[in-house]
C-alpha cells in the first residue's frame, strides 16, 4: 500500500469518516527529518494494509490543517480513529519505533 496525501479539501472525507484509523504525517519539503519519516510511513502502510489509512499533509500547502491540529514541530504524526486523536509524536521515528507505537496503540482499541 502506498502512502497517499491528505489536503484541506479532502481531509474530512478521507481522514475523519468512519472506517479504518488514519495515520497522518505532517511534513514540509524543506524539512530533512520529514523526508526520512517517509520510510517509516511506508512500512506502516505495508504492515497495516487494509486496516490503516496512511497519508502525508504538506504543511506549506495546507497550513490550515497544521493549525487545526496545533502542529508546532515537523515532522509530526497523528493517529486518528473516527476523528479522535489516539497518538501524536513530534520528531523523527525509525520504522521500527513507529510500528511498535502503532501496534501498541491499535491493540488498545
PDB file of N, CA and C in Angstrom:
ATOM      1  N   UNK A   1       0.853  -1.186   0.000  1.00  0.00           N
ATOM      2  CA  UNK A   1       0.000   0.000   0.000  1.00  0.00           C
ATOM      3  C   UNK A   1       0.885   1.231   0.000  1.00  0.00           C
ATOM      4  N   UNK A   2       0.579   2.154  -0.846  1.00  0.00           N
ATOM      5  CA  UNK A   2       1.363   3.378  -0.938  1.00  0.00           C
ATOM      6  C   UNK A   2       0.823   4.425   0.040  1.00  0.00           C
ATOM      7  N   UNK A   3       1.714   5.285   0.443  1.00  0.00           N
ATOM      8  CA  UNK A   3       1.323   6.405   1.291  1.00  0.00           C
ATOM      9  C   UNK A   3       0.694   7.452   0.396  1.00  0.00           C
ATOM     10  N   UNK A   4      -0.493   7.888   0.742  1.00  0.00           N
ATOM     11  CA  UNK A   4      -1.194   8.902  -0.034  1.00  0.00           C
ATOM     12  C   UNK A   4      -0.923  10.284   0.511  1.00  0.00           C
ATOM     13  N   UNK A   5      -1.800  11.191   0.170  1.00  0.00           N
ATOM     14  CA  UNK A   5      -1.691  12.545   0.704  1.00  0.00           C
ATOM     15  C   UNK A   5      -3.079  13.009   1.110  1.00  0.00           C
ATOM     16  N   UNK A   6      -3.096  13.875   2.096  1.00  0.00           N
ATOM     17  CA  UNK A   6      -4.327  14.496   2.555  1.00  0.00           C
ATOM     18  C   UNK A   6      -4.194  15.991   2.326  1.00  0.00           C
ATOM     19  N   UNK A   7      -5.269  16.607   1.881  1.00  0.00           N
ATOM     20  CA  UNK A   7      -5.309  18.056   1.707  1.00  0.00           C
ATOM     21  C   UNK A   7      -6.499  18.600   2.496  1.00  0.00           C
ATOM     22  N   UNK A   8      -6.519  19.883   2.659  1.00  0.00           N
ATOM     23  CA  UNK A   8      -7.610  20.506   3.401  1.00  0.00           C
ATOM     24  C   UNK A   8      -8.950  20.233   2.713  1.00  0.00           C
ATOM     25  N   UNK A   9      -8.956  20.109   1.392  1.00  0.00           N
ATOM     26  CA  UNK A   9     -10.217  19.895   0.675  1.00  0.00           C
ATOM     27  C   UNK A   9     -10.768  18.482   0.829  1.00  0.00           C
ATOM     28  N   UNK A  10      -9.923  17.496   1.094  1.00  0.00           N
ATOM     29  CA  UNK A  10     -10.426  16.126   1.235  1.00  0.00           C
ATOM     30  C   UNK A  10     -10.265  15.562   2.644  1.00  0.00           C
ATOM     31  N   UNK A  11      -9.749  16.356   3.566  1.00  0.00           N
ATOM     32  CA  UNK A  11      -9.432  15.862   4.905  1.00  0.00           C
ATOM     33  C   UNK A  11     -10.628  15.248   5.614  1.00  0.00           C
ATOM     34  N   UNK A  12     -11.736  15.961   5.707  1.00  0.00           N
ATOM     35  CA  UNK A  12     -12.864  15.456   6.476  1.00  0.00           C
ATOM     36  C   UNK A  12     -13.377  14.130   5.915  1.00  0.00           C
ATOM     37  N   UNK A  13     -13.505  14.029   4.608  1.00  0.00           N
ATOM     38  CA  UNK A  13     -13.995  12.793   3.992  1.00  0.00           C
ATOM     39  C   UNK A  13     -12.974  11.667   4.100  1.00  0.00           C
ATOM     40  N   UNK A  14     -11.711  11.977   3.952  1.00  0.00           N
ATOM     41  CA  UNK A  14     -10.679  10.935   3.942  1.00  0.00           C
ATOM     42  C   UNK A  14     -10.223  10.545   5.338  1.00  0.00           C
ATOM     43  N   UNK A  15     -10.098  11.493   6.215  1.00  0.00           N
ATOM     44  CA  UNK A  15      -9.461  11.229   7.499  1.00  0.00           C
ATOM     45  C   UNK A  15     -10.417  11.141   8.683  1.00  0.00           C
ATOM     46  N   UNK A  16     -11.588  11.720   8.572  1.00  0.00           N
ATOM     47  CA  UNK A  16     -12.478  11.746   9.729  1.00  0.00           C
ATOM     48  C   UNK A  16     -13.706  10.863   9.566  1.00  0.00           C
ATOM     49  N   UNK A  17     -13.894  10.299   8.394  1.00  0.00           N
ATOM     50  CA  UNK A  17     -15.046   9.435   8.137  1.00  0.00           C
ATOM     51  C   UNK A  17     -14.892   8.119   8.894  1.00  0.00           C
ATOM     52  N   UNK A  18     -16.006   7.496   9.230  1.00  0.00           N
ATOM     53  CA  UNK A  18     -15.909   6.176   9.869  1.00  0.00           C
ATOM     54  C   UNK A  18     -15.134   5.221   8.966  1.00  0.00           C
ATOM     55  N   UNK A  19     -14.437   4.320   9.593  1.00  0.00           N
ATOM     56  CA  UNK A  19     -13.633   3.361   8.844  1.00  0.00           C
ATOM     57  C   UNK A  19     -12.338   3.108   9.569  1.00  0.00           C
ATOM     58  N   UNK A  20     -11.346   2.631   8.824  1.00  0.00           N
ATOM     59  CA  UNK A  20     -10.063   2.330   9.458  1.00  0.00           C
ATOM     60  C   UNK A  20      -9.429   3.589  10.059  1.00  0.00           C
ATOM     61  N   UNK A  21      -8.594   3.411  11.076  1.00  0.00           N
ATOM     62  CA  UNK A  21      -7.865   4.557  11.624  1.00  0.00           C
ATOM     63  C   UNK A  21      -7.012   5.217  10.550  1.00  0.00           C
ATOM     64  N   UNK A  22      -6.660   6.467  10.795  1.00  0.00           N
ATOM     65  CA  UNK A  22      -5.881   7.262   9.851  1.00  0.00           C
ATOM     66  C   UNK A  22      -4.587   7.696  10.519  1.00  0.00           C
ATOM     67  N   UNK A  23      -3.476   7.455   9.836  1.00  0.00           N
ATOM     68  CA  UNK A  23      -2.175   7.924  10.289  1.00  0.00           C
ATOM     69  C   UNK A  23      -1.752   9.040   9.345  1.00  0.00           C
ATOM     70  N   UNK A  24      -1.681  10.253   9.872  1.00  0.00           N
ATOM     71  CA  UNK A  24      -1.308  11.420   9.068  1.00  0.00           C
ATOM     72  C   UNK A  24       0.082  11.883   9.478  1.00  0.00           C
ATOM     73  N   UNK A  25       0.935  12.046   8.496  1.00  0.00           N
ATOM     74  CA  UNK A  25       2.265  12.578   8.722  1.00  0.00           C
ATOM     75  C   UNK A  25       2.319  14.012   8.243  1.00  0.00           C
ATOM     76  N   UNK A  26       2.491  14.937   9.157  1.00  0.00           N
ATOM     77  CA  UNK A  26       2.585  16.354   8.815  1.00  0.00           C
ATOM     78  C   UNK A  26       4.050  16.646   8.516  1.00  0.00           C
ATOM     79  N   UNK A  27       4.329  17.209   7.339  1.00  0.00           N
ATOM     80  CA  UNK A  27       5.698  17.385   6.886  1.00  0.00           C
ATOM     81  C   UNK A  27       5.806  18.635   6.012  1.00  0.00           C
ATOM     82  N   UNK A  28       7.042  18.962   5.640  1.00  0.00           N
ATOM     83  CA  UNK A  28       7.307  20.046   4.690  1.00  0.00           C
ATOM     84  C   UNK A  28       8.501  19.638   3.825  1.00  0.00           C
ATOM     85  N   UNK A  29       8.500  20.092   2.608  1.00  0.00           N
ATOM     86  CA  UNK A  29       9.550  19.756   1.639  1.00  0.00           C
ATOM     87  C   UNK A  29      10.935  20.155   2.144  1.00  0.00           C
ATOM     88  N   UNK A  30      11.039  21.278   2.825  1.00  0.00           N
ATOM     89  CA  UNK A  30      12.341  21.803   3.268  1.00  0.00           C
ATOM     90  C   UNK A  30      12.877  21.101   4.513  1.00  0.00           C
ATOM     91  N   UNK A  31      12.075  20.265   5.159  1.00  0.00           N
ATOM     92  CA  UNK A  31      12.436  19.629   6.431  1.00  0.00           C
ATOM     93  C   UNK A  31      13.037  18.250   6.173  1.00  0.00           C
ATOM     94  N   UNK A  32      14.351  18.114   6.360  1.00  0.00           N
ATOM     95  CA  UNK A  32      15.011  16.836   6.092  1.00  0.00           C
ATOM     96  C   UNK A  32      14.477  15.680   6.946  1.00  0.00           C
ATOM     97  N   UNK A  33      14.232  15.850   8.241  1.00  0.00           N
ATOM     98  CA  UNK A  33      13.641  14.742   9.002  1.00  0.00           C
ATOM     99  C   UNK A  33      12.272  14.313   8.464  1.00  0.00           C
ATOM    100  N   UNK A  34      11.541  15.238   7.876  1.00  0.00           N
ATOM    101  CA  UNK A  34      10.255  14.889   7.270  1.00  0.00           C
ATOM    102  C   UNK A  34      10.433  13.884   6.148  1.00  0.00           C
ATOM    103  N   UNK A  35      11.477  14.050   5.353  1.00  0.00           N
ATOM    104  CA  UNK A  35      11.731  13.113   4.257  1.00  0.00           C
ATOM    105  C   UNK A  35      12.083  11.734   4.800  1.00  0.00           C
ATOM    106  N   UNK A  36      12.832  11.693   5.872  1.00  0.00           N
ATOM    107  CA  UNK A  36      13.204  10.418   6.474  1.00  0.00           C
ATOM    108  C   UNK A  36      11.976   9.698   7.040  1.00  0.00           C
ATOM    109  N   UNK A  37      10.989  10.450   7.484  1.00  0.00           N
ATOM    110  CA  UNK A  37       9.771   9.853   8.020  1.00  0.00           C
ATOM    111  C   UNK A  37       9.030   9.032   6.967  1.00  0.00           C
ATOM    112  N   UNK A  38       9.228   9.342   5.704  1.00  0.00           N
ATOM    113  CA  UNK A  38       8.538   8.630   4.626  1.00  0.00           C
ATOM    114  C   UNK A  38       8.782   7.126   4.696  1.00  0.00           C
ATOM    115  N   UNK A  39       9.999   6.713   5.036  1.00  0.00           N
ATOM    116  CA  UNK A  39      10.291   5.279   5.152  1.00  0.00           C
ATOM    117  C   UNK A  39       9.439   4.632   6.238  1.00  0.00           C
ATOM    118  N   UNK A  40       9.318   5.303   7.364  1.00  0.00           N
ATOM    119  CA  UNK A  40       8.520   4.768   8.459  1.00  0.00           C
ATOM    120  C   UNK A  40       7.046   4.677   8.061  1.00  0.00           C
ATOM    121  N   UNK A  41       6.542   5.678   7.367  1.00  0.00           N
ATOM    122  CA  UNK A  41       5.146   5.651   6.932  1.00  0.00           C
ATOM    123  C   UNK A  41       4.912   4.566   5.890  1.00  0.00           C
ATOM    124  N   UNK A  42       5.871   4.359   4.996  1.00  0.00           N
ATOM    125  CA  UNK A  42       5.760   3.280   4.006  1.00  0.00           C
ATOM    126  C   UNK A  42       5.643   1.925   4.707  1.00  0.00           C
ATOM    127  N   UNK A  43       6.470   1.703   5.711  1.00  0.00           N
ATOM    128  CA  UNK A  43       6.432   0.433   6.445  1.00  0.00           C
ATOM    129  C   UNK A  43       5.090   0.269   7.165  1.00  0.00           C
ATOM    130  N   UNK A  44       4.605   1.342   7.762  1.00  0.00           N
ATOM    131  CA  UNK A  44       3.319   1.276   8.459  1.00  0.00           C
ATOM    132  C   UNK A  44       2.191   0.970   7.485  1.00  0.00           C
ATOM    133  N   UNK A  45       2.218   1.610   6.331  1.00  0.00           N
ATOM    134  CA  UNK A  45       1.187   1.370   5.322  1.00  0.00           C
ATOM    135  C   UNK A  45       1.228  -0.073   4.836  1.00  0.00           C
ATOM    136  N   UNK A  46       2.420  -0.622   4.664  1.00  0.00           N
ATOM    137  CA  UNK A  46       2.554  -2.004   4.200  1.00  0.00           C
ATOM    138  C   UNK A  46       2.081  -2.992   5.270  1.00  0.00           C
ATOM    139  N   UNK A  47       2.497  -2.777   6.508  1.00  0.00           N
ATOM    140  CA  UNK A  47       2.136  -3.717   7.582  1.00  0.00           C
ATOM    141  C   UNK A  47       0.646  -3.694   7.883  1.00  0.00           C
ATOM    142  N   UNK A  48       0.041  -2.523   7.795  1.00  0.00           N
ATOM    143  CA  UNK A  48      -1.370  -2.374   8.173  1.00  0.00           C
ATOM    144  C   UNK A  48      -2.278  -2.151   6.966  1.00  0.00           C
ATOM    145  N   UNK A  49      -1.880  -2.670   5.802  1.00  0.00           N
ATOM    146  CA  UNK A  49      -2.677  -2.508   4.575  1.00  0.00           C
ATOM    147  C   UNK A  49      -4.101  -3.005   4.803  1.00  0.00           C
ATOM    148  N   UNK A  50      -5.056  -2.167   4.429  1.00  0.00           N
ATOM    149  CA  UNK A  50      -6.457  -2.510   4.592  1.00  0.00           C
ATOM    150  C   UNK A  50      -7.007  -2.232   5.980  1.00  0.00           C
ATOM    151  N   UNK A  51      -6.129  -1.993   6.950  1.00  0.00           N
ATOM    152  CA  UNK A  51      -6.560  -1.735   8.329  1.00  0.00           C
ATOM    153  C   UNK A  51      -6.205  -0.342   8.808  1.00  0.00           C
ATOM    154  N   UNK A  52      -5.475   0.416   7.966  1.00  0.00           N
ATOM    155  CA  UNK A  52      -4.993   1.739   8.353  1.00  0.00           C
ATOM    156  C   UNK A  52      -4.832   2.574   7.089  1.00  0.00           C
ATOM    157  N   UNK A  53      -5.360   3.782   7.114  1.00  0.00           N
ATOM    158  CA  UNK A  53      -5.136   4.720   6.009  1.00  0.00           C
ATOM    159  C   UNK A  53      -3.957   5.607   6.393  1.00  0.00           C
ATOM    160  N   UNK A  54      -2.993   5.715   5.488  1.00  0.00           N
ATOM    161  CA  UNK A  54      -1.776   6.468   5.768  1.00  0.00           C
ATOM    162  C   UNK A  54      -1.599   7.542   4.710  1.00  0.00           C
ATOM    163  N   UNK A  55      -1.335   8.772   5.145  1.00  0.00           N
ATOM    164  CA  UNK A  55      -1.123   9.857   4.197  1.00  0.00           C
ATOM    165  C   UNK A  55      -0.304  10.980   4.794  1.00  0.00           C
ATOM    166  N   UNK A  56       0.194  11.813   3.915  1.00  0.00           N
ATOM    167  CA  UNK A  56       1.005  12.969   4.291  1.00  0.00           C
ATOM    168  C   UNK A  56       0.195  14.251   4.139  1.00  0.00           C
ATOM    169  N   UNK A  57       0.466  15.191   5.016  1.00  0.00           N
ATOM    170  CA  UNK A  57      -0.104  16.538   4.925  1.00  0.00           C
ATOM    171  C   UNK A  57       1.059  17.500   4.751  1.00  0.00           C
ATOM    172  N   UNK A  58       1.107  18.172   3.629  1.00  0.00           N
ATOM    173  CA  UNK A  58       2.144  19.169   3.361  1.00  0.00           C
ATOM    174  C   UNK A  58       1.736  20.457   4.070  1.00  0.00           C
ATOM    175  N   UNK A  59       2.452  20.792   5.129  1.00  0.00           N
ATOM    176  CA  UNK A  59       2.064  21.945   5.950  1.00  0.00           C
ATOM    177  C   UNK A  59       2.271  23.282   5.245  1.00  0.00           C
ATOM    178  N   UNK A  60       3.104  23.310   4.216  1.00  0.00           N
ATOM    179  CA  UNK A  60       3.259  24.547   3.456  1.00  0.00           C
ATOM    180  C   UNK A  60       2.080  24.760   2.510  1.00  0.00           C
ATOM    181  N   UNK A  61       1.545  23.687   1.976  1.00  0.00           N
ATOM    182  CA  UNK A  61       0.401  23.785   1.057  1.00  0.00           C
ATOM    183  C   UNK A  61      -0.928  23.878   1.798  1.00  0.00           C
ATOM    184  N   UNK A  62      -0.993  23.242   2.962  1.00  0.00           N
ATOM    185  CA  UNK A  62      -2.232  23.209   3.740  1.00  0.00           C
ATOM    186  C   UNK A  62      -1.985  23.613   5.186  1.00  0.00           C
ATOM    187  N   UNK A  63      -1.591  24.859   5.400  1.00  0.00           N
ATOM    188  CA  UNK A  63      -1.316  25.300   6.774  1.00  0.00           C
ATOM    189  C   UNK A  63      -2.554  25.259   7.670  1.00  0.00           C
ATOM    190  N   UNK A  64      -3.745  25.297   7.079  1.00  0.00           N
ATOM    191  CA  UNK A  64      -4.961  25.264   7.900  1.00  0.00           C
ATOM    192  C   UNK A  64      -5.082  23.950   8.659  1.00  0.00           C
ATOM    193  N   UNK A  65      -4.654  22.847   8.050  1.00  0.00           N
ATOM    194  CA  UNK A  65      -4.700  21.561   8.754  1.00  0.00           C
ATOM    195  C   UNK A  65      -3.686  21.515   9.885  1.00  0.00           C
ATOM    196  N   UNK A  66      -2.505  22.043   9.628  1.00  0.00           N
ATOM    197  CA  UNK A  66      -1.488  22.095  10.683  1.00  0.00           C
ATOM    198  C   UNK A  66      -1.979  22.953  11.847  1.00  0.00           C
ATOM    199  N   UNK A  67      -2.631  24.052  11.531  1.00  0.00           N
ATOM    200  CA  UNK A  67      -3.163  24.927  12.579  1.00  0.00           C
ATOM    201  C   UNK A  67      -4.307  24.245  13.321  1.00  0.00           C
ATOM    202  N   UNK A  68      -5.186  23.603  12.580  1.00  0.00           N
ATOM    203  CA  UNK A  68      -6.333  22.921  13.180  1.00  0.00           C
ATOM    204  C   UNK A  68      -5.893  21.871  14.204  1.00  0.00           C
ATOM    205  N   UNK A  69      -4.778  21.188  13.913  1.00  0.00           N
ATOM    206  CA  UNK A  69      -4.284  20.143  14.809  1.00  0.00           C
ATOM    207  C   UNK A  69      -3.124  20.613  15.677  1.00  0.00           C
ATOM    208  N   UNK A  70      -2.897  21.897  15.679  1.00  0.00           N
ATOM    209  CA  UNK A  70      -1.861  22.521  16.526  1.00  0.00           C
ATOM    210  C   UNK A  70      -0.490  21.851  16.350  1.00  0.00           C
ATOM    211  N   UNK A  71      -0.146  21.632  15.091  1.00  0.00           N
ATOM    212  CA  UNK A  71       1.163  21.064  14.774  1.00  0.00           C
ATOM    213  C   UNK A  71       2.187  22.179  14.910  1.00  0.00           C
ATOM    214  N   UNK A  72       3.148  21.986  15.811  1.00  0.00           N
ATOM    215  CA  UNK A  72       4.134  23.026  16.072  1.00  0.00           C
ATOM    216  C   UNK A  72       5.549  22.616  15.722  1.00  0.00           C
ATOM    217  N   UNK A  73       5.755  21.357  15.389  1.00  0.00           N
ATOM    218  CA  UNK A  73       7.072  20.878  15.003  1.00  0.00           C
ATOM    219  C   UNK A  73       6.939  19.845  13.906  1.00  0.00           C
ATOM    220  N   UNK A  74       7.969  19.736  13.108  1.00  0.00           N
ATOM    221  CA  UNK A  74       7.953  18.781  11.995  1.00  0.00           C
ATOM    222  C   UNK A  74       9.111  17.817  12.119  1.00  0.00           C
ATOM    223  N   UNK A  75       8.886  16.607  11.691  1.00  0.00           N
ATOM    224  CA  UNK A  75       7.604  16.015  11.316  1.00  0.00           C
ATOM    225  C   UNK A  75       6.764  15.686  12.550  1.00  0.00           C
ATOM    226  N   UNK A  76       5.464  15.626  12.349  1.00  0.00           N
ATOM    227  CA  UNK A  76       4.518  15.207  13.377  1.00  0.00           C
ATOM    228  C   UNK A  76       3.645  14.122  12.793  1.00  0.00           C
ATOM    229  N   UNK A  77       3.428  13.065  13.543  1.00  0.00           N
ATOM    230  CA  UNK A  77       2.454  12.063  13.129  1.00  0.00           C
ATOM    231  C   UNK A  77       1.290  12.106  14.098  1.00  0.00           C
ATOM    232  N   UNK A  78       0.098  11.932  13.548  1.00  0.00           N
ATOM    233  CA  UNK A  78      -1.113  11.884  14.357  1.00  0.00           C
ATOM    234  C   UNK A  78      -1.925  10.690  13.879  1.00  0.00           C
ATOM    235  N   UNK A  79      -2.329   9.856  14.824  1.00  0.00           N
ATOM    236  CA  UNK A  79      -3.178   8.712  14.531  1.00  0.00           C
ATOM    237  C   UNK A  79      -4.580   9.040  15.026  1.00  0.00           C
ATOM    238  N   UNK A  80      -5.552   8.931  14.135  1.00  0.00           N
ATOM    239  CA  UNK A  80      -6.947   9.256  14.447  1.00  0.00           C
ATOM    240  C   UNK A  80      -7.837   8.054  14.191  1.00  0.00           C
ATOM    241  N   UNK A  81      -8.853   7.900  15.011  1.00  0.00           N
ATOM    242  CA  UNK A  81      -9.910   6.927  14.749  1.00  0.00           C
ATOM    243  C   UNK A  81     -11.224   7.653  14.949  1.00  0.00           C
ATOM    244  N   UNK A  82     -12.035   7.675  13.896  1.00  0.00           N
ATOM    245  CA  UNK A  82     -13.332   8.362  13.934  1.00  0.00           C
ATOM    246  C   UNK A  82     -13.195   9.803  14.424  1.00  0.00           C
ATOM    247  N   UNK A  83     -12.108  10.467  14.012  1.00  0.00           N
ATOM    248  CA  UNK A  83     -11.885  11.857  14.362  1.00  0.00           C
ATOM    249  C   UNK A  83     -11.258  12.086  15.723  1.00  0.00           C
ATOM    250  N   UNK A  84     -11.062  11.023  16.497  1.00  0.00           N
ATOM    251  CA  UNK A  84     -10.479  11.135  17.843  1.00  0.00           C
ATOM    252  C   UNK A  84      -8.985  10.833  17.776  1.00  0.00           C
ATOM    253  N   UNK A  85      -8.188  11.711  18.349  1.00  0.00           N
ATOM    254  CA  UNK A  85      -6.741  11.525  18.332  1.00  0.00           C
ATOM    255  C   UNK A  85      -6.338  10.437  19.319  1.00  0.00           C
ATOM    256  N   UNK A  86      -5.649   9.425  18.792  1.00  0.00           N
ATOM    257  CA  UNK A  86      -5.174   8.316  19.615  1.00  0.00           C
ATOM    258  C   UNK A  86      -3.697   8.432  19.960  1.00  0.00           C
ATOM    259  N   UNK A  87      -2.940   9.065  19.072  1.00  0.00           N
ATOM    260  CA  UNK A  87      -1.494   9.104  19.224  1.00  0.00           C
ATOM    261  C   UNK A  87      -0.952  10.316  18.488  1.00  0.00           C
ATOM    262  N   UNK A  88       0.071  10.938  19.087  1.00  0.00           N
ATOM    263  CA  UNK A  88       0.772  12.051  18.448  1.00  0.00           C
ATOM    264  C   UNK A  88       2.242  11.945  18.829  1.00  0.00           C
ATOM    265  N   UNK A  89       3.098  12.100  17.834  1.00  0.00           N
ATOM    266  CA  UNK A  89       4.534  12.137  18.082  1.00  0.00           C
ATOM    267  C   UNK A  89       5.140  13.218  17.201  1.00  0.00           C
ATOM    268  N   UNK A  90       6.040  13.983  17.793  1.00  0.00           N
ATOM    269  CA  UNK A  90       6.756  15.027  17.069  1.00  0.00           C
ATOM    270  C   UNK A  90       8.210  14.603  16.962  1.00  0.00           C
ATOM    271  N   UNK A  91       8.774  14.748  15.777  1.00  0.00           N
ATOM    272  CA  UNK A  91      10.164  14.394  15.558  1.00  0.00           C
ATOM    273  C   UNK A  91      10.296  13.100  14.786  1.00  0.00           C
ATOM    274  N   UNK A  92      11.525  12.776  14.495  1.00  0.00           N
ATOM    275  CA  UNK A  92      11.822  11.611  13.687  1.00  0.00           C
ATOM    276  C   UNK A  92      11.594  10.316  14.459  1.00  0.00           C
ATOM    277  N   UNK A  93      11.020   9.344  13.774  1.00  0.00           N
ATOM    278  CA  UNK A  93      10.855   7.997  14.295  1.00  0.00           C
ATOM    279  C   UNK A  93      11.419   7.029  13.279  1.00  0.00           C
ATOM    280  N   UNK A  94      12.092   5.999  13.741  1.00  0.00           N
ATOM    281  CA  UNK A  94      12.519   4.952  12.819  1.00  0.00           C
ATOM    282  C   UNK A  94      11.291   4.122  12.457  1.00  0.00           C
ATOM    283  N   UNK A  95      11.367   3.381  11.368  1.00  0.00           N
ATOM    284  CA  UNK A  95      10.239   2.496  11.049  1.00  0.00           C
ATOM    285  C   UNK A  95       9.895   1.554  12.201  1.00  0.00           C
ATOM    286  N   UNK A  96      10.902   1.014  12.868  1.00  0.00           N
ATOM    287  CA  UNK A  96      10.656   0.095  13.975  1.00  0.00           C
ATOM    288  C   UNK A  96       9.952   0.786  15.141  1.00  0.00           C
ATOM    289  N   UNK A  97      10.368   2.009  15.459  1.00  0.00           N
ATOM    290  CA  UNK A  97       9.729   2.760  16.546  1.00  0.00           C
ATOM    291  C   UNK A  97       8.266   3.056  16.215  1.00  0.00           C
ATOM    292  N   UNK A  98       8.012   3.476  14.978  1.00  0.00           N
ATOM    293  CA  UNK A  98       6.643   3.787  14.580  1.00  0.00           C
ATOM    294  C   UNK A  98       5.775   2.537  14.614  1.00  0.00           C
ATOM    295  N   UNK A  99       6.268   1.429  14.088  1.00  0.00           N
ATOM    296  CA  UNK A  99       5.483   0.194  14.077  1.00  0.00           C
ATOM    297  C   UNK A  99       5.171  -0.269  15.493  1.00  0.00           C
ATOM    298  N   UNK A 100       6.110  -0.149  16.398  1.00  0.00           N
ATOM    299  CA  UNK A 100       5.883  -0.538  17.795  1.00  0.00           C
ATOM    300  C   UNK A 100       4.793   0.341  18.426  1.00  0.00           C
ATOM    301  N   UNK A 101       4.868   1.660  18.200  1.00  0.00           N
ATOM    302  CA  UNK A 101       3.839   2.577  18.713  1.00  0.00           C
ATOM    303  C   UNK A 101       2.464   2.252  18.144  1.00  0.00           C
ATOM    304  N   UNK A 102       2.412   2.033  16.839  1.00  0.00           N
ATOM    305  CA  UNK A 102       1.137   1.728  16.194  1.00  0.00           C
ATOM    306  C   UNK A 102       0.558   0.425  16.702  1.00  0.00           C
ATOM    307  N   UNK A 103       1.397  -0.604  16.774  1.00  0.00           N
ATOM    308  CA  UNK A 103       0.903  -1.905  17.249  1.00  0.00           C
ATOM    309  C   UNK A 103       0.303  -1.781  18.645  1.00  0.00           C
ATOM    310  N   UNK A 104       0.989  -1.089  19.537  1.00  0.00           N
ATOM    311  CA  UNK A 104       0.508  -0.917  20.911  1.00  0.00           C
ATOM    312  C   UNK A 104      -0.763  -0.078  20.947  1.00  0.00           C
ATOM    313  N   UNK A 105      -0.804   0.995  20.211  1.00  0.00           N
ATOM    314  CA  UNK A 105      -1.960   1.894  20.230  1.00  0.00           C
ATOM    315  C   UNK A 105      -3.188   1.243  19.602  1.00  0.00           C
ATOM    316  N   UNK A 106      -2.998   0.585  18.468  1.00  0.00           N
ATOM    317  CA  UNK A 106      -4.123  -0.060  17.795  1.00  0.00           C
ATOM    318  C   UNK A 106      -4.644  -1.246  18.583  1.00  0.00           C
ATOM    319  N   UNK A 107      -3.783  -1.921  19.320  1.00  0.00           N
ATOM    320  CA  UNK A 107      -4.214  -3.044  20.150  1.00  0.00           C
ATOM    321  C   UNK A 107      -5.085  -2.590  21.314  1.00  0.00           C
ATOM    322  N   UNK A 108      -4.850  -1.352  21.775  1.00  0.00           N
ATOM    323  CA  UNK A 108      -5.626  -0.796  22.885  1.00  0.00           C
ATOM    324  C   UNK A 108      -7.060  -0.512  22.486  1.00  0.00           C
ATOM    325  N   UNK A 109      -7.263  -0.336  21.186  1.00  0.00           N
ATOM    326  CA  UNK A 109      -8.612  -0.086  20.725  1.00  0.00           C
ATOM    327  C   UNK A 109      -8.804   1.320  20.379  1.00  0.00           C
TER     328      UNK A 109
END
